[in-house]
PDB file of all heavy atoms in Angstrom:
ATOM      1  N   VAL A   1       7.661 -25.800   7.470  1.00  0.00           N
ATOM      2  CA  VAL A   1       7.136 -25.476   8.709  1.00  0.00           C
ATOM      3  C   VAL A   1       7.970 -24.697   9.506  1.00  0.00           C
ATOM      4  O   VAL A   1       9.214 -24.906   9.846  1.00  0.00           O
ATOM      5  CB  VAL A   1       6.908 -26.926   9.478  1.00  0.00           C
ATOM      6  CG1 VAL A   1       6.312 -26.611  10.986  1.00  0.00           C
ATOM      7  CG2 VAL A   1       5.980 -27.909   8.791  1.00  0.00           C
ATOM      8  N   PRO A   2       7.487 -23.511   9.971  1.00  0.00           N
ATOM      9  CA  PRO A   2       8.356 -22.626  10.728  1.00  0.00           C
ATOM     10  C   PRO A   2       8.643 -23.091  12.173  1.00  0.00           C
ATOM     11  O   PRO A   2       7.794 -23.757  12.778  1.00  0.00           O
ATOM     12  CB  PRO A   2       7.493 -21.320  10.874  1.00  0.00           C
ATOM     13  CG  PRO A   2       6.165 -21.881  10.787  1.00  0.00           C
ATOM     14  CD  PRO A   2       6.075 -23.012   9.851  1.00  0.00           C
ATOM     15  N   VAL A   3       9.741 -22.823  12.626  1.00  0.00           N
ATOM     16  CA  VAL A   3      10.151 -23.189  14.077  1.00  0.00           C
ATOM     17  C   VAL A   3       9.336 -22.529  15.078  1.00  0.00           C
ATOM     18  O   VAL A   3       8.956 -21.342  14.843  1.00  0.00           O
ATOM     19  CB  VAL A   3      11.687 -22.810  14.295  1.00  0.00           C
ATOM     20  CG1 VAL A   3      11.981 -23.165  15.717  1.00  0.00           C
ATOM     21  CG2 VAL A   3      12.663 -23.510  13.366  1.00  0.00           C
ATOM     22  N   GLY A   4       8.743 -23.247  16.025  1.00  0.00           N
ATOM     23  CA  GLY A   4       7.889 -22.662  17.003  1.00  0.00           C
ATOM     24  C   GLY A   4       6.829 -23.648  17.404  1.00  0.00           C
ATOM     25  O   GLY A   4       6.966 -24.858  17.308  1.00  0.00           O
ATOM     26  N   PRO A   5       5.644 -23.119  17.704  1.00  0.00           N
ATOM     27  CA  PRO A   5       4.510 -23.912  18.265  1.00  0.00           C
ATOM     28  C   PRO A   5       4.009 -24.979  17.320  1.00  0.00           C
ATOM     29  O   PRO A   5       3.599 -26.135  17.726  1.00  0.00           O
ATOM     30  CB  PRO A   5       3.314 -22.888  18.362  1.00  0.00           C
ATOM     31  CG  PRO A   5       4.095 -21.599  18.596  1.00  0.00           C
ATOM     32  CD  PRO A   5       5.328 -21.583  17.771  1.00  0.00           C
ATOM     33  N   MET A   6       4.289 -24.818  15.995  1.00  0.00           N
ATOM     34  CA  MET A   6       3.898 -25.895  15.061  1.00  0.00           C
ATOM     35  C   MET A   6       4.573 -27.105  15.307  1.00  0.00           C
ATOM     36  O   MET A   6       4.165 -28.282  15.108  1.00  0.00           O
ATOM     37  CB  MET A   6       3.936 -25.408  13.619  1.00  0.00           C
ATOM     38  CG  MET A   6       2.837 -24.510  13.170  1.00  0.00           C
ATOM     39  SD  MET A   6       2.887 -24.107  11.485  1.00  0.00           S
ATOM     40  CE  MET A   6       1.507 -22.903  11.293  1.00  0.00           C
ATOM     41  N   TYR A   7       5.979 -26.943  15.642  1.00  0.00           N
ATOM     42  CA  TYR A   7       6.710 -28.114  15.953  1.00  0.00           C
ATOM     43  C   TYR A   7       6.086 -29.018  17.097  1.00  0.00           C
ATOM     44  O   TYR A   7       6.128 -30.267  16.982  1.00  0.00           O
ATOM     45  CB  TYR A   7       8.202 -27.764  16.335  1.00  0.00           C
ATOM     46  CG  TYR A   7       9.120 -27.491  15.144  1.00  0.00           C
ATOM     47  CD1 TYR A   7       8.472 -27.081  13.732  1.00  0.00           C
ATOM     48  CD2 TYR A   7      10.517 -27.584  15.197  1.00  0.00           C
ATOM     49  CE1 TYR A   7       9.475 -26.891  12.860  1.00  0.00           C
ATOM     50  CE2 TYR A   7      11.362 -27.295  14.124  1.00  0.00           C
ATOM     51  CZ  TYR A   7      10.820 -26.921  12.881  1.00  0.00           C
ATOM     52  OH  TYR A   7      11.681 -26.717  11.843  1.00  0.00           O
ATOM     53  N   GLN A   8       5.718 -28.273  18.050  1.00  0.00           N
ATOM     54  CA  GLN A   8       5.152 -28.974  19.285  1.00  0.00           C
ATOM     55  C   GLN A   8       3.869 -29.675  18.868  1.00  0.00           C
ATOM     56  O   GLN A   8       3.582 -30.856  19.378  1.00  0.00           O
ATOM     57  CB  GLN A   8       4.952 -28.004  20.300  1.00  0.00           C
ATOM     58  CG  GLN A   8       6.095 -27.289  20.895  1.00  0.00           C
ATOM     59  CD  GLN A   8       5.820 -26.192  21.941  1.00  0.00           C
ATOM     60  OE1 GLN A   8       4.707 -25.622  21.962  1.00  0.00           O
ATOM     61  NE2 GLN A   8       6.882 -25.869  22.610  1.00  0.00           N
ATOM     62  N   LYS A   9       3.042 -28.948  18.110  1.00  0.00           N
ATOM     63  CA  LYS A   9       1.778 -29.658  17.686  1.00  0.00           C
ATOM     64  C   LYS A   9       2.102 -30.923  16.844  1.00  0.00           C
ATOM     65  O   LYS A   9       1.356 -31.938  17.120  1.00  0.00           O
ATOM     66  CB  LYS A   9       0.918 -28.622  16.842  1.00  0.00           C
ATOM     67  CG  LYS A   9       0.321 -27.622  17.677  1.00  0.00           C
ATOM     68  CD  LYS A   9      -0.662 -26.699  16.962  1.00  0.00           C
ATOM     69  CE  LYS A   9      -1.292 -25.514  17.759  1.00  0.00           C
ATOM     70  NZ  LYS A   9      -2.223 -24.783  16.935  1.00  0.00           N
ATOM     71  N   LEU A  10       2.969 -30.831  15.955  1.00  0.00           N
ATOM     72  CA  LEU A  10       3.214 -32.033  14.983  1.00  0.00           C
ATOM     73  C   LEU A  10       3.810 -33.143  15.965  1.00  0.00           C
ATOM     74  O   LEU A  10       3.441 -34.263  15.708  1.00  0.00           O
ATOM     75  CB  LEU A  10       4.309 -31.602  14.022  1.00  0.00           C
ATOM     76  CG  LEU A  10       3.779 -30.819  12.904  1.00  0.00           C
ATOM     77  CD1 LEU A  10       4.899 -30.066  12.129  1.00  0.00           C
ATOM     78  CD2 LEU A  10       2.905 -31.603  11.911  1.00  0.00           C
ATOM     79  N   HIS A  11       4.693 -32.786  16.942  1.00  0.00           N
ATOM     80  CA  HIS A  11       5.256 -33.913  17.773  1.00  0.00           C
ATOM     81  C   HIS A  11       4.240 -34.428  18.654  1.00  0.00           C
ATOM     82  O   HIS A  11       4.347 -35.684  19.044  1.00  0.00           O
ATOM     83  CB  HIS A  11       6.473 -33.289  18.587  1.00  0.00           C
ATOM     84  CG  HIS A  11       7.387 -34.326  18.998  1.00  0.00           C
ATOM     85  ND1 HIS A  11       8.485 -34.048  19.747  1.00  0.00           N
ATOM     86  CD2 HIS A  11       7.654 -35.570  18.535  1.00  0.00           C
ATOM     87  CE1 HIS A  11       9.198 -35.090  19.955  1.00  0.00           C
ATOM     88  NE2 HIS A  11       8.741 -36.116  19.221  1.00  0.00           N
ATOM     89  N   ALA A  12       3.172 -33.749  18.988  1.00  0.00           N
ATOM     90  CA  ALA A  12       2.157 -34.314  19.750  1.00  0.00           C
ATOM     91  C   ALA A  12       1.098 -35.013  18.976  1.00  0.00           C
ATOM     92  O   ALA A  12       0.069 -35.474  19.584  1.00  0.00           O
ATOM     93  CB  ALA A  12       1.330 -33.079  20.564  1.00  0.00           C
ATOM     94  N   GLY A  13       1.262 -35.157  17.635  1.00  0.00           N
ATOM     95  CA  GLY A  13       0.481 -35.947  16.832  1.00  0.00           C
ATOM     96  C   GLY A  13      -0.695 -35.115  16.122  1.00  0.00           C
ATOM     97  O   GLY A  13      -1.567 -35.736  15.442  1.00  0.00           O
ATOM     98  N   GLU A  14      -0.612 -33.909  16.163  1.00  0.00           N
ATOM     99  CA  GLU A  14      -1.542 -32.981  15.433  1.00  0.00           C
ATOM    100  C   GLU A  14      -1.048 -32.572  14.045  1.00  0.00           C
ATOM    101  O   GLU A  14       0.102 -32.550  13.815  1.00  0.00           O
ATOM    102  CB  GLU A  14      -1.989 -31.740  16.368  1.00  0.00           C
ATOM    103  CG  GLU A  14      -2.502 -31.988  17.695  1.00  0.00           C
ATOM    104  CD  GLU A  14      -2.525 -30.753  18.561  1.00  0.00           C
ATOM    105  OE1 GLU A  14      -2.915 -29.645  17.961  1.00  0.00           O
ATOM    106  OE2 GLU A  14      -2.266 -30.750  19.751  1.00  0.00           O
ATOM    107  N   SER A  15      -1.993 -32.202  13.159  1.00  0.00           N
ATOM    108  CA  SER A  15      -1.634 -31.705  11.905  1.00  0.00           C
ATOM    109  C   SER A  15      -1.570 -30.124  12.033  1.00  0.00           C
ATOM    110  O   SER A  15      -2.261 -29.606  12.932  1.00  0.00           O
ATOM    111  CB  SER A  15      -2.706 -32.021  10.806  1.00  0.00           C
ATOM    112  OG  SER A  15      -3.966 -31.543  11.151  1.00  0.00           O
ATOM    113  N   VAL A  16      -0.911 -29.377  11.138  1.00  0.00           N
ATOM    114  CA  VAL A  16      -0.856 -27.917  11.118  1.00  0.00           C
ATOM    115  C   VAL A  16      -1.060 -27.512   9.723  1.00  0.00           C
ATOM    116  O   VAL A  16      -0.892 -28.164   8.776  1.00  0.00           O
ATOM    117  CB  VAL A  16       0.560 -27.525  11.663  1.00  0.00           C
ATOM    118  CG1 VAL A  16       0.671 -28.029  13.044  1.00  0.00           C
ATOM    119  CG2 VAL A  16       1.613 -27.937  10.652  1.00  0.00           C
ATOM    120  N   GLU A  17      -1.545 -26.155   9.591  1.00  0.00           N
ATOM    121  CA  GLU A  17      -1.847 -25.601   8.406  1.00  0.00           C
ATOM    122  C   GLU A  17      -0.780 -24.483   8.249  1.00  0.00           C
ATOM    123  O   GLU A  17      -0.793 -23.513   9.135  1.00  0.00           O
ATOM    124  CB  GLU A  17      -3.263 -25.092   8.259  1.00  0.00           C
ATOM    125  CG  GLU A  17      -3.618 -24.462   6.943  1.00  0.00           C
ATOM    126  CD  GLU A  17      -5.004 -24.150   6.726  1.00  0.00           C
ATOM    127  OE1 GLU A  17      -5.827 -24.594   7.657  1.00  0.00           O
ATOM    128  OE2 GLU A  17      -5.346 -23.418   5.737  1.00  0.00           O
ATOM    129  N   LEU A  18      -0.069 -24.459   7.112  1.00  0.00           N
ATOM    130  CA  LEU A  18       0.921 -23.349   6.895  1.00  0.00           C
ATOM    131  C   LEU A  18       0.095 -22.042   6.303  1.00  0.00           C
ATOM    132  O   LEU A  18      -1.002 -22.135   5.930  1.00  0.00           O
ATOM    133  CB  LEU A  18       2.031 -23.814   5.900  1.00  0.00           C
ATOM    134  CG  LEU A  18       2.636 -25.078   6.268  1.00  0.00           C
ATOM    135  CD1 LEU A  18       3.805 -25.417   5.214  1.00  0.00           C
ATOM    136  CD2 LEU A  18       3.277 -25.076   7.644  1.00  0.00           C
ATOM    137  N   ASP A  19       0.869 -20.946   6.244  1.00  0.00           N
ATOM    138  CA  ASP A  19       0.297 -19.716   5.637  1.00  0.00           C
ATOM    139  C   ASP A  19      -0.361 -19.883   4.309  1.00  0.00           C
ATOM    140  O   ASP A  19      -1.181 -19.128   4.061  1.00  0.00           O
ATOM    141  CB  ASP A  19       1.411 -18.631   5.810  1.00  0.00           C
ATOM    142  CG  ASP A  19       1.701 -18.257   7.213  1.00  0.00           C
ATOM    143  OD1 ASP A  19       0.901 -18.489   8.096  1.00  0.00           O
ATOM    144  OD2 ASP A  19       2.817 -17.632   7.334  1.00  0.00           O
ATOM    145  N   ASP A  20       0.286 -20.827   3.537  1.00  0.00           N
ATOM    146  CA  ASP A  20      -0.174 -20.890   2.134  1.00  0.00           C
ATOM    147  C   ASP A  20      -1.368 -21.849   1.951  1.00  0.00           C
ATOM    148  O   ASP A  20      -1.748 -22.254   0.938  1.00  0.00           O
ATOM    149  CB  ASP A  20       0.914 -21.254   1.277  1.00  0.00           C
ATOM    150  CG  ASP A  20       1.557 -22.604   1.575  1.00  0.00           C
ATOM    151  OD1 ASP A  20       1.068 -23.327   2.517  1.00  0.00           O
ATOM    152  OD2 ASP A  20       2.512 -23.009   0.866  1.00  0.00           O
ATOM    153  N   GLY A  21      -1.842 -22.372   3.147  1.00  0.00           N
ATOM    154  CA  GLY A  21      -2.935 -23.358   3.237  1.00  0.00           C
ATOM    155  C   GLY A  21      -2.610 -24.825   3.110  1.00  0.00           C
ATOM    156  O   GLY A  21      -3.487 -25.776   3.218  1.00  0.00           O
ATOM    157  N   THR A  22      -1.276 -25.085   3.017  1.00  0.00           N
ATOM    158  CA  THR A  22      -0.795 -26.434   2.976  1.00  0.00           C
ATOM    159  C   THR A  22      -0.951 -27.108   4.389  1.00  0.00           C
ATOM    160  O   THR A  22      -0.597 -26.488   5.395  1.00  0.00           O
ATOM    161  CB  THR A  22       0.742 -26.562   2.527  1.00  0.00           C
ATOM    162  OG1 THR A  22       0.946 -25.915   1.283  1.00  0.00           O
ATOM    163  CG2 THR A  22       1.180 -27.954   2.536  1.00  0.00           C
ATOM    164  N   VAL A  23      -1.535 -28.277   4.388  1.00  0.00           N
ATOM    165  CA  VAL A  23      -1.666 -29.015   5.537  1.00  0.00           C
ATOM    166  C   VAL A  23      -0.497 -30.076   5.790  1.00  0.00           C
ATOM    167  O   VAL A  23      -0.309 -30.941   4.746  1.00  0.00           O
ATOM    168  CB  VAL A  23      -3.042 -29.817   5.611  1.00  0.00           C
ATOM    169  CG1 VAL A  23      -3.129 -30.528   6.939  1.00  0.00           C
ATOM    170  CG2 VAL A  23      -4.119 -28.681   5.607  1.00  0.00           C
ATOM    171  N   VAL A  24       0.141 -29.926   6.845  1.00  0.00           N
ATOM    172  CA  VAL A  24       1.203 -30.955   7.037  1.00  0.00           C
ATOM    173  C   VAL A  24       0.856 -31.939   8.198  1.00  0.00           C
ATOM    174  O   VAL A  24       0.402 -31.418   9.349  1.00  0.00           O
ATOM    175  CB  VAL A  24       2.567 -30.264   7.636  1.00  0.00           C
ATOM    176  CG1 VAL A  24       3.712 -31.254   7.856  1.00  0.00           C
ATOM    177  CG2 VAL A  24       2.999 -29.272   6.431  1.00  0.00           C
ATOM    178  N   GLU A  25       0.815 -33.158   8.023  1.00  0.00           N
ATOM    179  CA  GLU A  25       0.395 -34.160   8.919  1.00  0.00           C
ATOM    180  C   GLU A  25       1.665 -34.630   9.858  1.00  0.00           C
ATOM    181  O   GLU A  25       2.716 -34.650   9.469  1.00  0.00           O
ATOM    182  CB  GLU A  25      -0.208 -35.481   8.146  1.00  0.00           C
ATOM    183  CG  GLU A  25      -1.330 -35.167   7.356  1.00  0.00           C
ATOM    184  CD  GLU A  25      -2.566 -34.749   8.003  1.00  0.00           C
ATOM    185  OE1 GLU A  25      -2.651 -35.013   9.229  1.00  0.00           O
ATOM    186  OE2 GLU A  25      -3.505 -34.251   7.310  1.00  0.00           O
ATOM    187  N   SER A  26       1.218 -35.014  11.012  1.00  0.00           N
ATOM    188  CA  SER A  26       2.292 -35.383  12.033  1.00  0.00           C
ATOM    189  C   SER A  26       3.056 -36.446  11.422  1.00  0.00           C
ATOM    190  O   SER A  26       4.344 -36.473  11.574  1.00  0.00           O
ATOM    191  CB  SER A  26       1.599 -35.721  13.318  1.00  0.00           C
ATOM    192  OG  SER A  26       2.606 -36.322  14.169  1.00  0.00           O
ATOM    193  N   GLU A  27       2.501 -37.554  10.765  1.00  0.00           N
ATOM    194  CA  GLU A  27       3.213 -38.631  10.336  1.00  0.00           C
ATOM    195  C   GLU A  27       4.238 -38.329   9.291  1.00  0.00           C
ATOM    196  O   GLU A  27       5.093 -39.186   8.968  1.00  0.00           O
ATOM    197  CB  GLU A  27       2.301 -39.798  10.024  1.00  0.00           C
ATOM    198  CG  GLU A  27       1.253 -39.333   8.936  1.00  0.00           C
ATOM    199  CD  GLU A  27      -0.045 -39.031   9.532  1.00  0.00           C
ATOM    200  OE1 GLU A  27      -0.058 -38.510  10.762  1.00  0.00           O
ATOM    201  OE2 GLU A  27      -1.178 -39.159   8.999  1.00  0.00           O
ATOM    202  N   GLN A  28       4.035 -37.072   8.612  1.00  0.00           N
ATOM    203  CA  GLN A  28       5.167 -36.724   7.724  1.00  0.00           C
ATOM    204  C   GLN A  28       6.441 -36.328   8.361  1.00  0.00           C
ATOM    205  O   GLN A  28       7.458 -36.355   7.700  1.00  0.00           O
ATOM    206  CB  GLN A  28       4.550 -35.560   6.845  1.00  0.00           C
ATOM    207  CG  GLN A  28       3.423 -35.865   5.955  1.00  0.00           C
ATOM    208  CD  GLN A  28       2.946 -34.697   5.235  1.00  0.00           C
ATOM    209  OE1 GLN A  28       1.897 -33.996   5.656  1.00  0.00           O
ATOM    210  NE2 GLN A  28       3.541 -34.301   4.141  1.00  0.00           N
ATOM    211  N   ILE A  29       6.338 -35.898   9.601  1.00  0.00           N
ATOM    212  CA  ILE A  29       7.495 -35.444  10.255  1.00  0.00           C
ATOM    213  C   ILE A  29       7.854 -36.341  11.506  1.00  0.00           C
ATOM    214  O   ILE A  29       9.139 -36.336  11.767  1.00  0.00           O
ATOM    215  CB  ILE A  29       7.156 -34.011  10.916  1.00  0.00           C
ATOM    216  CG1 ILE A  29       6.522 -33.001   9.949  1.00  0.00           C
ATOM    217  CG2 ILE A  29       8.201 -33.451  11.650  1.00  0.00           C
ATOM    218  CD1 ILE A  29       7.545 -32.685   8.864  1.00  0.00           C
ATOM    219  N   VAL A  30       7.056 -36.929  12.077  1.00  0.00           N
ATOM    220  CA  VAL A  30       7.328 -37.855  13.278  1.00  0.00           C
ATOM    221  C   VAL A  30       7.368 -39.207  13.012  1.00  0.00           C
ATOM    222  O   VAL A  30       6.344 -39.765  12.493  1.00  0.00           O
ATOM    223  CB  VAL A  30       6.314 -37.418  14.323  1.00  0.00           C
ATOM    224  CG1 VAL A  30       6.620 -38.236  15.708  1.00  0.00           C
ATOM    225  CG2 VAL A  30       6.253 -35.919  14.729  1.00  0.00           C
ATOM    226  N   GLY A  31       8.312 -39.856  13.490  1.00  0.00           N
ATOM    227  CA  GLY A  31       8.536 -41.402  13.281  1.00  0.00           C
ATOM    228  C   GLY A  31       7.525 -42.176  14.157  1.00  0.00           C
ATOM    229  O   GLY A  31       6.812 -41.593  15.016  1.00  0.00           O
ATOM    230  N   PRO A  32       7.699 -43.434  14.056  1.00  0.00           N
ATOM    231  CA  PRO A  32       6.685 -44.338  14.857  1.00  0.00           C
ATOM    232  C   PRO A  32       7.015 -44.246  16.367  1.00  0.00           C
ATOM    233  O   PRO A  32       8.201 -43.845  16.748  1.00  0.00           O
ATOM    234  CB  PRO A  32       7.014 -45.699  14.297  1.00  0.00           C
ATOM    235  CG  PRO A  32       8.336 -45.650  13.665  1.00  0.00           C
ATOM    236  CD  PRO A  32       8.385 -44.305  13.271  1.00  0.00           C
TER     237      PRO A  32
END
């Protein structure tokens, strides 16, 4: 995950899609 807006989206509970199409879910990065 590149540093920048995707970090904010993940921390806000949203998932993001990387350039290669990989989807990263918030719960993979953010604790309870």
